[in-house]
Amino acid sequence: MKIHLISVMTPRRVLLSAGIFILLGAFAPCPAADEPAPTPAQIEAEKNRIAADVAFQMGRAFLNGEGTPKDEKKAVEFFRKSAELGNGKAQNNLGLMYAQGRGINADPVEALKWLRLAAGQGIPETQENLGLMLRFGRGVPKNVTEAAEWLEKAAEQGRVSAQSEVGHLYFTGKDGVPRDYDKAMRWLKAAAERGVVPAQNTLGFMYESGAGTPADPVAAVHWFRLAAERGDSKAQANLGSAYATGSGIEKDLSRAYQWLSLSAAQGEALGKVPLGELEKSIKPEDVAAGKKLAEDWLAQHGRAPGK
């Protein structure tokens, strides 16, 4: 699970440039003659926005040690100043630092407070952060129902990890999230098309079993193969079983042995069991061919199973 501190590109001499930025902000161009003068409320809002942006940059500099010694306590101070002025990026970072106990004592209540504020501003990284943390109970109390809500919001904005995660939540229908094969298909397909391996395998299973879609063994093999070629042990087992039965592809016991043995070598039960059954009836020449195919695959991919 990847949790993202939000950053932006800034000059390395941020401590100096921040002061210049504040000074420049005090000399905003006058409105054109035909434009209404800003109201006091608008002026105050702009001042707060500038101050929040500068405080965020200062927090980022102390967090990463850019132009100043790294100091996570000072990073928290500046992120807090920025967050209190409404900066969503700072709210995200402050929430994560509370969750992780970085620069301040860990506090799940404060973590949720700031992350929810940032996520409520529509920041997709924060929505994904919050969803994943709630999903697995990392730094905050586990709440899978709320996790699904934030992950789906992030998925709507194109966050691929969120698409895969919420797709699997709707597929399994556990922990208070109702099973919804239509939503599962939508999000798993979106993630699979962008190369997320677990999503590719689960999507293959949905096509194979007809879960939420008409059964399509050919489509199932397509998705199993994409994930299997990336080394996924479950997909290798599923592809091997398809070759063994001729489901969605021409039956080929050598290819079945290849993929089932690769899966089993990674300790995958889904590969071990059908491999054991296959070995009871397969011809020695098909075993030899299957072993050669597996060796060639490993040589091409430059790693042993599971590596």
C-alpha atoms as a PDB file:
ATOM      1  CA  MET A   1       0.000   0.000   0.000  1.00  0.00           C
ATOM      2  CA  LYS A   2       1.515   3.294  -1.057  1.00  0.00           C
ATOM      3  CA  ILE A   3       0.607   6.408   0.905  1.00  0.00           C
ATOM      4  CA  HIS A   4       1.466   9.695  -0.746  1.00  0.00           C
ATOM      5  CA  LEU A   5       2.812  12.828   0.862  1.00  0.00           C
ATOM      6  CA  ILE A   6       1.919  15.602  -1.552  1.00  0.00           C
ATOM      7  CA  SER A   7       4.687  17.755  -2.917  1.00  0.00           C
ATOM      8  CA  VAL A   8       5.224  20.295  -5.668  1.00  0.00           C
ATOM      9  CA  MET A   9       8.277  21.554  -7.527  1.00  0.00           C
ATOM     10  CA  THR A  10       9.925  24.450  -5.697  1.00  0.00           C
ATOM     11  CA  PRO A  11      13.286  26.240  -5.861  1.00  0.00           C
ATOM     12  CA  ARG A  12      15.902  24.752  -3.575  1.00  0.00           C
ATOM     13  CA  ARG A  13      16.448  28.140  -1.928  1.00  0.00           C
ATOM     14  CA  VAL A  14      12.865  28.005  -0.683  1.00  0.00           C
ATOM     15  CA  LEU A  15      13.604  29.743   2.629  1.00  0.00           C
ATOM     16  CA  LEU A  16      14.787  32.833   0.803  1.00  0.00           C
ATOM     17  CA  SER A  17      12.302  32.710  -2.027  1.00  0.00           C
ATOM     18  CA  ALA A  18       9.388  32.419   0.379  1.00  0.00           C
ATOM     19  CA  GLY A  19      10.152  35.824   1.849  1.00  0.00           C
ATOM     20  CA  ILE A  20      10.405  37.336  -1.613  1.00  0.00           C
ATOM     21  CA  PHE A  21       7.110  35.686  -2.539  1.00  0.00           C
ATOM     22  CA  ILE A  22       5.339  37.334   0.412  1.00  0.00           C
ATOM     23  CA  LEU A  23       6.777  40.713  -0.559  1.00  0.00           C
ATOM     24  CA  LEU A  24       5.689  40.323  -4.163  1.00  0.00           C
ATOM     25  CA  GLY A  25       2.246  39.268  -3.045  1.00  0.00           C
ATOM     26  CA  ALA A  26       1.810  42.643  -1.353  1.00  0.00           C
ATOM     27  CA  PHE A  27       2.076  44.418  -4.699  1.00  0.00           C
ATOM     28  CA  ALA A  28      -0.656  42.777  -6.724  1.00  0.00           C
ATOM     29  CA  PRO A  29      -1.483  44.660  -9.950  1.00  0.00           C
ATOM     30  CA  CYS A  30      -4.284  47.158  -9.729  1.00  0.00           C
ATOM     31  CA  PRO A  31      -7.532  46.131 -11.400  1.00  0.00           C
ATOM     32  CA  ALA A  32      -8.297  47.569 -14.820  1.00  0.00           C
ATOM     33  CA  ALA A  33     -10.507  50.624 -14.940  1.00  0.00           C
ATOM     34  CA  ASP A  34     -13.537  48.568 -15.971  1.00  0.00           C
ATOM     35  CA  GLU A  35     -13.000  45.915 -13.306  1.00  0.00           C
ATOM     36  CA  PRO A  36     -14.503  46.258  -9.835  1.00  0.00           C
ATOM     37  CA  ALA A  37     -12.012  46.709  -7.005  1.00  0.00           C
ATOM     38  CA  PRO A  38     -11.599  43.602  -4.830  1.00  0.00           C
ATOM     39  CA  THR A  39     -13.677  43.564  -1.698  1.00  0.00           C
ATOM     40  CA  PRO A  40     -11.998  43.432   1.722  1.00  0.00           C
ATOM     41  CA  ALA A  41     -13.111  39.789   1.982  1.00  0.00           C
ATOM     42  CA  GLN A  42     -11.472  38.955  -1.359  1.00  0.00           C
ATOM     43  CA  ILE A  43      -8.264  40.699  -0.329  1.00  0.00           C
ATOM     44  CA  GLU A  44      -8.202  38.788   2.954  1.00  0.00           C
ATOM     45  CA  ALA A  45      -8.858  35.487   1.173  1.00  0.00           C
ATOM     46  CA  GLU A  46      -5.974  36.123  -1.232  1.00  0.00           C
ATOM     47  CA  LYS A  47      -3.642  37.014   1.636  1.00  0.00           C
ATOM     48  CA  ASN A  48      -4.569  33.769   3.378  1.00  0.00           C
ATOM     49  CA  ARG A  49      -4.066  31.769   0.185  1.00  0.00           C
ATOM     50  CA  ILE A  50      -0.579  33.231  -0.307  1.00  0.00           C
ATOM     51  CA  ALA A  51       0.334  32.664   3.337  1.00  0.00           C
ATOM     52  CA  ALA A  52      -0.944  29.074   3.130  1.00  0.00           C
ATOM     53  CA  ASP A  53       1.067  28.390  -0.032  1.00  0.00           C
ATOM     54  CA  VAL A  54       4.251  29.787   1.504  1.00  0.00           C
ATOM     55  CA  ALA A  55       3.778  27.804   4.722  1.00  0.00           C
ATOM     56  CA  PHE A  56       3.250  24.644   2.668  1.00  0.00           C
ATOM     57  CA  GLN A  57       6.493  25.245   0.753  1.00  0.00           C
ATOM     58  CA  MET A  58       8.330  25.816   4.026  1.00  0.00           C
ATOM     59  CA  GLY A  59       6.928  22.591   5.438  1.00  0.00           C
ATOM     60  CA  ARG A  60       7.978  20.738   2.320  1.00  0.00           C
ATOM     61  CA  ALA A  61      11.500  22.193   2.561  1.00  0.00           C
ATOM     62  CA  PHE A  62      11.910  21.041   6.176  1.00  0.00           C
ATOM     63  CA  LEU A  63      10.379  17.652   5.395  1.00  0.00           C
ATOM     64  CA  ASN A  64      12.765  16.927   2.523  1.00  0.00           C
ATOM     65  CA  GLY A  65      15.797  18.914   3.678  1.00  0.00           C
ATOM     66  CA  GLU A  66      15.719  21.215   0.664  1.00  0.00           C
ATOM     67  CA  GLY A  67      17.743  24.371   1.279  1.00  0.00           C
ATOM     68  CA  THR A  68      17.692  23.706   5.016  1.00  0.00           C
ATOM     69  CA  PRO A  69      18.496  20.797   7.365  1.00  0.00           C
ATOM     70  CA  LYS A  70      15.753  18.208   7.464  1.00  0.00           C
ATOM     71  CA  ASP A  71      13.479  18.759  10.456  1.00  0.00           C
ATOM     72  CA  GLU A  72      10.161  16.912  10.617  1.00  0.00           C
ATOM     73  CA  LYS A  73       8.991  18.798  13.727  1.00  0.00           C
ATOM     74  CA  LYS A  74       9.325  22.112  11.893  1.00  0.00           C
ATOM     75  CA  ALA A  75       7.681  20.535   8.845  1.00  0.00           C
ATOM     76  CA  VAL A  76       4.678  19.721  11.029  1.00  0.00           C
ATOM     77  CA  GLU A  77       4.569  23.300  12.335  1.00  0.00           C
ATOM     78  CA  PHE A  78       4.470  24.792   8.859  1.00  0.00           C
ATOM     79  CA  PHE A  79       2.074  22.190   7.474  1.00  0.00           C
ATOM     80  CA  ARG A  80      -0.249  22.994  10.392  1.00  0.00           C
ATOM     81  CA  LYS A  81      -0.128  26.745   9.652  1.00  0.00           C
ATOM     82  CA  SER A  82      -0.918  26.060   6.019  1.00  0.00           C
ATOM     83  CA  ALA A  83      -3.594  23.466   6.819  1.00  0.00           C
ATOM     84  CA  GLU A  84      -5.392  25.806   9.198  1.00  0.00           C
ATOM     85  CA  LEU A  85      -5.587  28.327   6.365  1.00  0.00           C
ATOM     86  CA  GLY A  86      -7.286  25.711   4.201  1.00  0.00           C
ATOM     87  CA  ASN A  87      -4.433  24.380   2.039  1.00  0.00           C
ATOM     88  CA  GLY A  88      -5.506  20.867   1.031  1.00  0.00           C
ATOM     89  CA  LYS A  89      -1.989  19.604   0.277  1.00  0.00           C
ATOM     90  CA  ALA A  90      -0.856  20.653   3.737  1.00  0.00           C
ATOM     91  CA  GLN A  91      -3.922  19.032   5.300  1.00  0.00           C
ATOM     92  CA  ASN A  92      -3.005  15.785   3.562  1.00  0.00           C
ATOM     93  CA  ASN A  93       0.603  15.900   4.732  1.00  0.00           C
ATOM     94  CA  LEU A  94      -0.291  16.892   8.287  1.00  0.00           C
ATOM     95  CA  GLY A  95      -2.813  14.058   8.468  1.00  0.00           C
ATOM     96  CA  LEU A  96      -0.242  11.545   7.259  1.00  0.00           C
ATOM     97  CA  MET A  97       2.366  12.763   9.716  1.00  0.00           C
ATOM     98  CA  TYR A  98      -0.136  12.322  12.547  1.00  0.00           C
ATOM     99  CA  ALA A  99      -0.937   8.838  11.243  1.00  0.00           C
ATOM    100  CA  GLN A 100       2.730   7.859  10.937  1.00  0.00           C
ATOM    101  CA  GLY A 101       4.003   9.637  14.037  1.00  0.00           C
ATOM    102  CA  ARG A 102       6.503  11.685  12.050  1.00  0.00           C
ATOM    103  CA  GLY A 103       7.596  14.908  13.736  1.00  0.00           C
ATOM    104  CA  ILE A 104       4.744  14.572  16.225  1.00  0.00           C
ATOM    105  CA  ASN A 105       3.154  11.903  18.383  1.00  0.00           C
ATOM    106  CA  ALA A 106       0.891   9.602  16.404  1.00  0.00           C
ATOM    107  CA  ASP A 107      -2.766  10.563  16.795  1.00  0.00           C
ATOM    108  CA  PRO A 108      -5.372   8.705  14.717  1.00  0.00           C
ATOM    109  CA  VAL A 109      -8.124  11.198  15.573  1.00  0.00           C
ATOM    110  CA  GLU A 110      -6.091  14.155  14.310  1.00  0.00           C
ATOM    111  CA  ALA A 111      -4.968  12.112  11.308  1.00  0.00           C
ATOM    112  CA  LEU A 112      -8.562  11.434  10.268  1.00  0.00           C
ATOM    113  CA  LYS A 113      -9.575  15.032  10.920  1.00  0.00           C
ATOM    114  CA  TRP A 114      -6.993  16.490   8.534  1.00  0.00           C
ATOM    115  CA  LEU A 115      -7.217  13.772   5.911  1.00  0.00           C
ATOM    116  CA  ARG A 116     -10.998  14.083   5.734  1.00  0.00           C
ATOM    117  CA  LEU A 117     -10.697  17.844   5.312  1.00  0.00           C
ATOM    118  CA  ALA A 118      -8.230  17.411   2.454  1.00  0.00           C
ATOM    119  CA  ALA A 119     -10.215  14.610   0.830  1.00  0.00           C
ATOM    120  CA  GLY A 120     -13.339  16.739   1.071  1.00  0.00           C
ATOM    121  CA  GLN A 121     -11.595  19.319  -1.115  1.00  0.00           C
ATOM    122  CA  GLY A 122     -11.521  16.732  -3.900  1.00  0.00           C
ATOM    123  CA  ILE A 123      -7.782  16.009  -3.850  1.00  0.00           C
ATOM    124  CA  PRO A 124      -7.530  12.551  -5.478  1.00  0.00           C
ATOM    125  CA  GLU A 125      -4.229  11.607  -3.793  1.00  0.00           C
ATOM    126  CA  THR A 126      -5.760  12.297  -0.393  1.00  0.00           C
ATOM    127  CA  GLN A 127      -8.940  10.420  -1.212  1.00  0.00           C
ATOM    128  CA  GLU A 128      -6.788   7.435  -2.151  1.00  0.00           C
ATOM    129  CA  ASN A 129      -4.568   7.879   0.929  1.00  0.00           C
ATOM    130  CA  LEU A 130      -7.553   8.015   3.239  1.00  0.00           C
ATOM    131  CA  GLY A 131      -9.309   5.125   1.537  1.00  0.00           C
ATOM    132  CA  LEU A 132      -6.294   2.826   1.743  1.00  0.00           C
ATOM    133  CA  MET A 133      -5.552   3.754   5.355  1.00  0.00           C
ATOM    134  CA  LEU A 134      -9.149   3.096   6.376  1.00  0.00           C
ATOM    135  CA  ARG A 135      -9.205  -0.104   4.309  1.00  0.00           C
ATOM    136  CA  PHE A 136      -6.238  -1.640   6.134  1.00  0.00           C
ATOM    137  CA  GLY A 137      -6.327   0.241   9.434  1.00  0.00           C
ATOM    138  CA  ARG A 138      -2.932   1.837   8.888  1.00  0.00           C
ATOM    139  CA  GLY A 139      -2.500   4.702  11.368  1.00  0.00           C
ATOM    140  CA  VAL A 140      -6.280   5.103  11.725  1.00  0.00           C
ATOM    141  CA  PRO A 141      -9.098   2.798  12.867  1.00  0.00           C
ATOM    142  CA  LYS A 142     -10.175   0.354  10.170  1.00  0.00           C
ATOM    143  CA  ASN A 143     -13.435   1.327   8.450  1.00  0.00           C
ATOM    144  CA  VAL A 144     -13.918  -0.482   5.156  1.00  0.00           C
ATOM    145  CA  THR A 145     -17.305   1.069   4.412  1.00  0.00           C
ATOM    146  CA  GLU A 146     -15.907   4.597   4.545  1.00  0.00           C
ATOM    147  CA  ALA A 147     -12.787   3.372   2.742  1.00  0.00           C
ATOM    148  CA  ALA A 148     -14.882   2.273  -0.222  1.00  0.00           C
ATOM    149  CA  GLU A 149     -16.503   5.700  -0.442  1.00  0.00           C
ATOM    150  CA  TRP A 150     -13.179   7.560  -0.609  1.00  0.00           C
ATOM    151  CA  LEU A 151     -11.561   5.009  -2.906  1.00  0.00           C
ATOM    152  CA  GLU A 152     -14.435   5.297  -5.361  1.00  0.00           C
ATOM    153  CA  LYS A 153     -14.113   9.094  -5.350  1.00  0.00           C
ATOM    154  CA  ALA A 154     -10.393   8.715  -6.112  1.00  0.00           C
ATOM    155  CA  ALA A 155     -11.170   6.098  -8.758  1.00  0.00           C
ATOM    156  CA  GLU A 156     -13.538   8.529 -10.452  1.00  0.00           C
ATOM    157  CA  GLN A 157     -10.575  10.905 -10.755  1.00  0.00           C
ATOM    158  CA  GLY A 158      -8.378   8.272 -12.366  1.00  0.00           C
ATOM    159  CA  ARG A 159      -6.312   6.978  -9.450  1.00  0.00           C
ATOM    160  CA  VAL A 160      -5.467   3.500 -10.700  1.00  0.00           C
ATOM    161  CA  SER A 161      -4.612   1.929  -7.306  1.00  0.00           C
ATOM    162  CA  ALA A 162      -7.973   3.134  -6.022  1.00  0.00           C
ATOM    163  CA  GLN A 163      -9.707   1.655  -9.063  1.00  0.00           C
ATOM    164  CA  SER A 164      -8.187  -1.762  -8.364  1.00  0.00           C
ATOM    165  CA  GLU A 165      -8.802  -1.644  -4.624  1.00  0.00           C
ATOM    166  CA  VAL A 166     -12.419  -0.520  -4.764  1.00  0.00           C
ATOM    167  CA  GLY A 167     -13.076  -2.952  -7.604  1.00  0.00           C
ATOM    168  CA  HIS A 168     -11.895  -5.825  -5.416  1.00  0.00           C
ATOM    169  CA  LEU A 169     -13.991  -4.545  -2.502  1.00  0.00           C
ATOM    170  CA  TYR A 170     -17.128  -4.634  -4.652  1.00  0.00           C
ATOM    171  CA  PHE A 171     -16.116  -8.029  -6.064  1.00  0.00           C
ATOM    172  CA  THR A 172     -15.691  -9.719  -2.666  1.00  0.00           C
ATOM    173  CA  GLY A 173     -18.535  -7.898  -0.900  1.00  0.00           C
ATOM    174  CA  LYS A 174     -17.043  -8.141   2.585  1.00  0.00           C
ATOM    175  CA  ASP A 175     -16.513  -5.952   5.658  1.00  0.00           C
ATOM    176  CA  GLY A 176     -19.758  -4.044   5.233  1.00  0.00           C
ATOM    177  CA  VAL A 177     -19.331  -3.278   1.540  1.00  0.00           C
ATOM    178  CA  PRO A 178     -22.162  -4.900  -0.452  1.00  0.00           C
ATOM    179  CA  ARG A 179     -21.151  -7.089  -3.380  1.00  0.00           C
ATOM    180  CA  ASP A 180     -21.752  -5.275  -6.645  1.00  0.00           C
ATOM    181  CA  TYR A 181     -20.471  -7.054  -9.743  1.00  0.00           C
ATOM    182  CA  ASP A 182     -21.365  -4.162 -12.039  1.00  0.00           C
ATOM    183  CA  LYS A 183     -19.177  -1.747 -10.074  1.00  0.00           C
ATOM    184  CA  ALA A 184     -16.502  -4.409  -9.657  1.00  0.00           C
ATOM    185  CA  MET A 185     -16.386  -4.956 -13.415  1.00  0.00           C
ATOM    186  CA  ARG A 186     -16.225  -1.225 -14.102  1.00  0.00           C
ATOM    187  CA  TRP A 187     -13.319  -0.508 -11.778  1.00  0.00           C
ATOM    188  CA  LEU A 188     -11.358  -3.726 -12.264  1.00  0.00           C
ATOM    189  CA  LYS A 189     -11.499  -3.314 -16.034  1.00  0.00           C
ATOM    190  CA  ALA A 190     -10.325   0.298 -15.728  1.00  0.00           C
ATOM    191  CA  ALA A 191      -7.377  -0.809 -13.588  1.00  0.00           C
ATOM    192  CA  ALA A 192      -6.633  -3.899 -15.701  1.00  0.00           C
ATOM    193  CA  GLU A 193      -6.476  -1.837 -18.869  1.00  0.00           C
ATOM    194  CA  ARG A 194      -3.841   0.300 -17.180  1.00  0.00           C
ATOM    195  CA  GLY A 195      -1.722  -2.726 -16.298  1.00  0.00           C
ATOM    196  CA  VAL A 196      -2.647  -3.519 -12.686  1.00  0.00           C
ATOM    197  CA  VAL A 197      -1.852  -7.223 -12.419  1.00  0.00           C
ATOM    198  CA  PRO A 198      -4.232  -8.306  -9.595  1.00  0.00           C
ATOM    199  CA  ALA A 199      -7.065  -6.525 -11.410  1.00  0.00           C
ATOM    200  CA  GLN A 200      -6.216  -8.363 -14.624  1.00  0.00           C
ATOM    201  CA  ASN A 201      -6.409 -11.741 -12.894  1.00  0.00           C
ATOM    202  CA  THR A 202      -9.675 -10.973 -11.077  1.00  0.00           C
ATOM    203  CA  LEU A 203     -11.191  -9.595 -14.270  1.00  0.00           C
ATOM    204  CA  GLY A 204     -10.218 -12.841 -15.990  1.00  0.00           C
ATOM    205  CA  PHE A 205     -11.991 -14.794 -13.259  1.00  0.00           C
ATOM    206  CA  MET A 206     -15.126 -12.697 -13.713  1.00  0.00           C
ATOM    207  CA  TYR A 207     -15.182 -13.457 -17.437  1.00  0.00           C
ATOM    208  CA  GLU A 208     -14.457 -17.126 -16.763  1.00  0.00           C
ATOM    209  CA  SER A 209     -17.203 -17.552 -14.170  1.00  0.00           C
ATOM    210  CA  GLY A 210     -19.727 -15.134 -15.643  1.00  0.00           C
ATOM    211  CA  ALA A 211     -19.756 -12.969 -12.508  1.00  0.00           C
ATOM    212  CA  GLY A 212     -21.496  -9.732 -13.447  1.00  0.00           C
ATOM    213  CA  THR A 213     -21.017 -10.375 -17.157  1.00  0.00           C
ATOM    214  CA  PRO A 214     -21.836 -13.110 -19.675  1.00  0.00           C
ATOM    215  CA  ALA A 215     -19.226 -15.858 -19.437  1.00  0.00           C
ATOM    216  CA  ASP A 216     -16.471 -15.325 -21.994  1.00  0.00           C
ATOM    217  CA  PRO A 217     -13.650 -17.904 -21.733  1.00  0.00           C
ATOM    218  CA  VAL A 218     -11.663 -16.246 -24.515  1.00  0.00           C
ATOM    219  CA  ALA A 219     -11.665 -12.901 -22.696  1.00  0.00           C
ATOM    220  CA  ALA A 220     -10.769 -14.726 -19.488  1.00  0.00           C
ATOM    221  CA  VAL A 221      -7.691 -16.260 -21.098  1.00  0.00           C
ATOM    222  CA  HIS A 222      -6.676 -12.865 -22.468  1.00  0.00           C
ATOM    223  CA  TRP A 223      -6.605 -11.292 -19.014  1.00  0.00           C
ATOM    224  CA  PHE A 224      -5.076 -14.354 -17.332  1.00  0.00           C
ATOM    225  CA  ARG A 225      -2.263 -14.309 -19.871  1.00  0.00           C
ATOM    226  CA  LEU A 226      -1.456 -10.623 -19.347  1.00  0.00           C
ATOM    227  CA  ALA A 227      -1.140 -11.138 -15.599  1.00  0.00           C
ATOM    228  CA  ALA A 228       0.656 -14.495 -15.931  1.00  0.00           C
ATOM    229  CA  GLU A 229       3.303 -12.997 -18.175  1.00  0.00           C
ATOM    230  CA  ARG A 230       3.943 -10.450 -15.427  1.00  0.00           C
ATOM    231  CA  GLY A 231       4.636 -13.285 -12.989  1.00  0.00           C
ATOM    232  CA  ASP A 232       1.356 -13.416 -11.050  1.00  0.00           C
ATOM    233  CA  SER A 233       1.127 -16.900  -9.544  1.00  0.00           C
ATOM    234  CA  LYS A 234      -2.681 -17.025  -9.427  1.00  0.00           C
ATOM    235  CA  ALA A 235      -2.992 -15.930 -13.046  1.00  0.00           C
ATOM    236  CA  GLN A 236      -0.381 -18.509 -14.056  1.00  0.00           C
ATOM    237  CA  ALA A 237      -2.465 -21.194 -12.354  1.00  0.00           C
ATOM    238  CA  ASN A 238      -5.644 -19.984 -14.037  1.00  0.00           C
ATOM    239  CA  LEU A 239      -3.983 -19.860 -17.450  1.00  0.00           C
ATOM    240  CA  GLY A 240      -2.510 -23.325 -16.929  1.00  0.00           C
ATOM    241  CA  SER A 241      -5.926 -24.707 -15.995  1.00  0.00           C
ATOM    242  CA  ALA A 242      -7.421 -23.150 -19.128  1.00  0.00           C
ATOM    243  CA  TYR A 243      -4.824 -24.905 -21.266  1.00  0.00           C
ATOM    244  CA  ALA A 244      -5.469 -28.170 -19.397  1.00  0.00           C
ATOM    245  CA  THR A 245      -9.221 -28.093 -20.076  1.00  0.00           C
ATOM    246  CA  GLY A 246      -9.275 -26.228 -23.379  1.00  0.00           C
ATOM    247  CA  SER A 247     -11.431 -23.464 -21.936  1.00  0.00           C
ATOM    248  CA  GLY A 248     -11.181 -20.363 -24.111  1.00  0.00           C
ATOM    249  CA  ILE A 249      -8.105 -21.686 -25.861  1.00  0.00           C
ATOM    250  CA  GLU A 250      -6.963 -24.825 -27.657  1.00  0.00           C
ATOM    251  CA  LYS A 251      -6.108 -27.600 -25.212  1.00  0.00           C
ATOM    252  CA  ASP A 252      -2.342 -27.940 -24.809  1.00  0.00           C
ATOM    253  CA  LEU A 253      -0.998 -30.066 -21.966  1.00  0.00           C
ATOM    254  CA  SER A 254       2.590 -28.880 -22.456  1.00  0.00           C
ATOM    255  CA  ARG A 255       1.456 -25.269 -22.006  1.00  0.00           C
ATOM    256  CA  ALA A 256      -0.713 -26.352 -19.086  1.00  0.00           C
ATOM    257  CA  TYR A 257       2.332 -27.933 -17.433  1.00  0.00           C
ATOM    258  CA  GLN A 258       4.419 -24.827 -18.124  1.00  0.00           C
ATOM    259  CA  TRP A 259       2.084 -22.391 -16.393  1.00  0.00           C
ATOM    260  CA  LEU A 260       0.985 -24.679 -13.577  1.00  0.00           C
ATOM    261  CA  SER A 261       4.594 -25.531 -12.718  1.00  0.00           C
ATOM    262  CA  LEU A 262       5.572 -21.860 -12.749  1.00  0.00           C
ATOM    263  CA  SER A 263       2.690 -21.112 -10.408  1.00  0.00           C
ATOM    264  CA  ALA A 264       3.421 -24.044  -8.120  1.00  0.00           C
ATOM    265  CA  ALA A 265       7.094 -23.063  -7.911  1.00  0.00           C
ATOM    266  CA  GLN A 266       5.942 -19.830  -6.273  1.00  0.00           C
ATOM    267  CA  GLY A 267       4.078 -21.830  -3.636  1.00  0.00           C
ATOM    268  CA  GLU A 268       0.659 -21.141  -5.126  1.00  0.00           C
ATOM    269  CA  ALA A 269      -1.937 -23.736  -4.069  1.00  0.00           C
ATOM    270  CA  LEU A 270      -4.031 -22.919  -7.127  1.00  0.00           C
ATOM    271  CA  GLY A 271      -1.098 -24.192  -9.185  1.00  0.00           C
ATOM    272  CA  LYS A 272       0.003 -27.106  -7.013  1.00  0.00           C
ATOM    273  CA  VAL A 273      -3.318 -28.950  -6.896  1.00  0.00           C
ATOM    274  CA  PRO A 274      -4.105 -29.039 -10.634  1.00  0.00           C
ATOM    275  CA  LEU A 275      -0.432 -29.716 -11.382  1.00  0.00           C
ATOM    276  CA  GLY A 276      -0.628 -32.804  -9.194  1.00  0.00           C
ATOM    277  CA  GLU A 277      -3.727 -33.961 -11.042  1.00  0.00           C
ATOM    278  CA  LEU A 278      -2.138 -33.263 -14.418  1.00  0.00           C
ATOM    279  CA  GLU A 279       0.989 -35.259 -13.548  1.00  0.00           C
ATOM    280  CA  LYS A 280      -1.157 -38.379 -13.049  1.00  0.00           C
ATOM    281  CA  SER A 281      -2.115 -38.552 -16.727  1.00  0.00           C
ATOM    282  CA  ILE A 282       0.233 -36.389 -18.793  1.00  0.00           C
ATOM    283  CA  LYS A 283       2.651 -38.062 -21.205  1.00  0.00           C
ATOM    284  CA  PRO A 284       6.384 -37.856 -20.428  1.00  0.00           C
ATOM    285  CA  GLU A 285       7.044 -35.991 -23.678  1.00  0.00           C
ATOM    286  CA  ASP A 286       4.462 -33.340 -22.708  1.00  0.00           C
ATOM    287  CA  VAL A 287       6.137 -32.972 -19.302  1.00  0.00           C
ATOM    288  CA  ALA A 288       9.506 -32.498 -20.978  1.00  0.00           C
ATOM    289  CA  ALA A 289       8.057 -29.928 -23.376  1.00  0.00           C
ATOM    290  CA  GLY A 290       6.324 -28.126 -20.533  1.00  0.00           C
ATOM    291  CA  LYS A 291       9.514 -27.965 -18.479  1.00  0.00           C
ATOM    292  CA  LYS A 292      11.382 -26.541 -21.453  1.00  0.00           C
ATOM    293  CA  LEU A 293       8.712 -23.891 -21.953  1.00  0.00           C
ATOM    294  CA  ALA A 294       8.922 -22.946 -18.278  1.00  0.00           C
ATOM    295  CA  GLU A 295      12.723 -22.753 -18.403  1.00  0.00           C
ATOM    296  CA  ASP A 296      12.583 -20.580 -21.500  1.00  0.00           C
ATOM    297  CA  TRP A 297      10.076 -18.274 -19.830  1.00  0.00           C
ATOM    298  CA  LEU A 298      12.286 -17.918 -16.770  1.00  0.00           C
ATOM    299  CA  ALA A 299      15.335 -17.247 -18.920  1.00  0.00           C
ATOM    300  CA  GLN A 300      13.465 -14.576 -20.880  1.00  0.00           C
ATOM    301  CA  HIS A 301      12.181 -12.857 -17.766  1.00  0.00           C
ATOM    302  CA  GLY A 302      15.495 -13.128 -15.952  1.00  0.00           C
ATOM    303  CA  ARG A 303      14.200 -14.332 -12.620  1.00  0.00           C
ATOM    304  CA  ALA A 304      13.132 -17.412 -10.732  1.00  0.00           C
ATOM    305  CA  PRO A 305       9.480 -17.723  -9.734  1.00  0.00           C
ATOM    306  CA  GLY A 306       8.529 -15.288  -7.009  1.00  0.00           C
ATOM    307  CA  LYS A 307      11.653 -13.166  -7.483  1.00  0.00           C
END
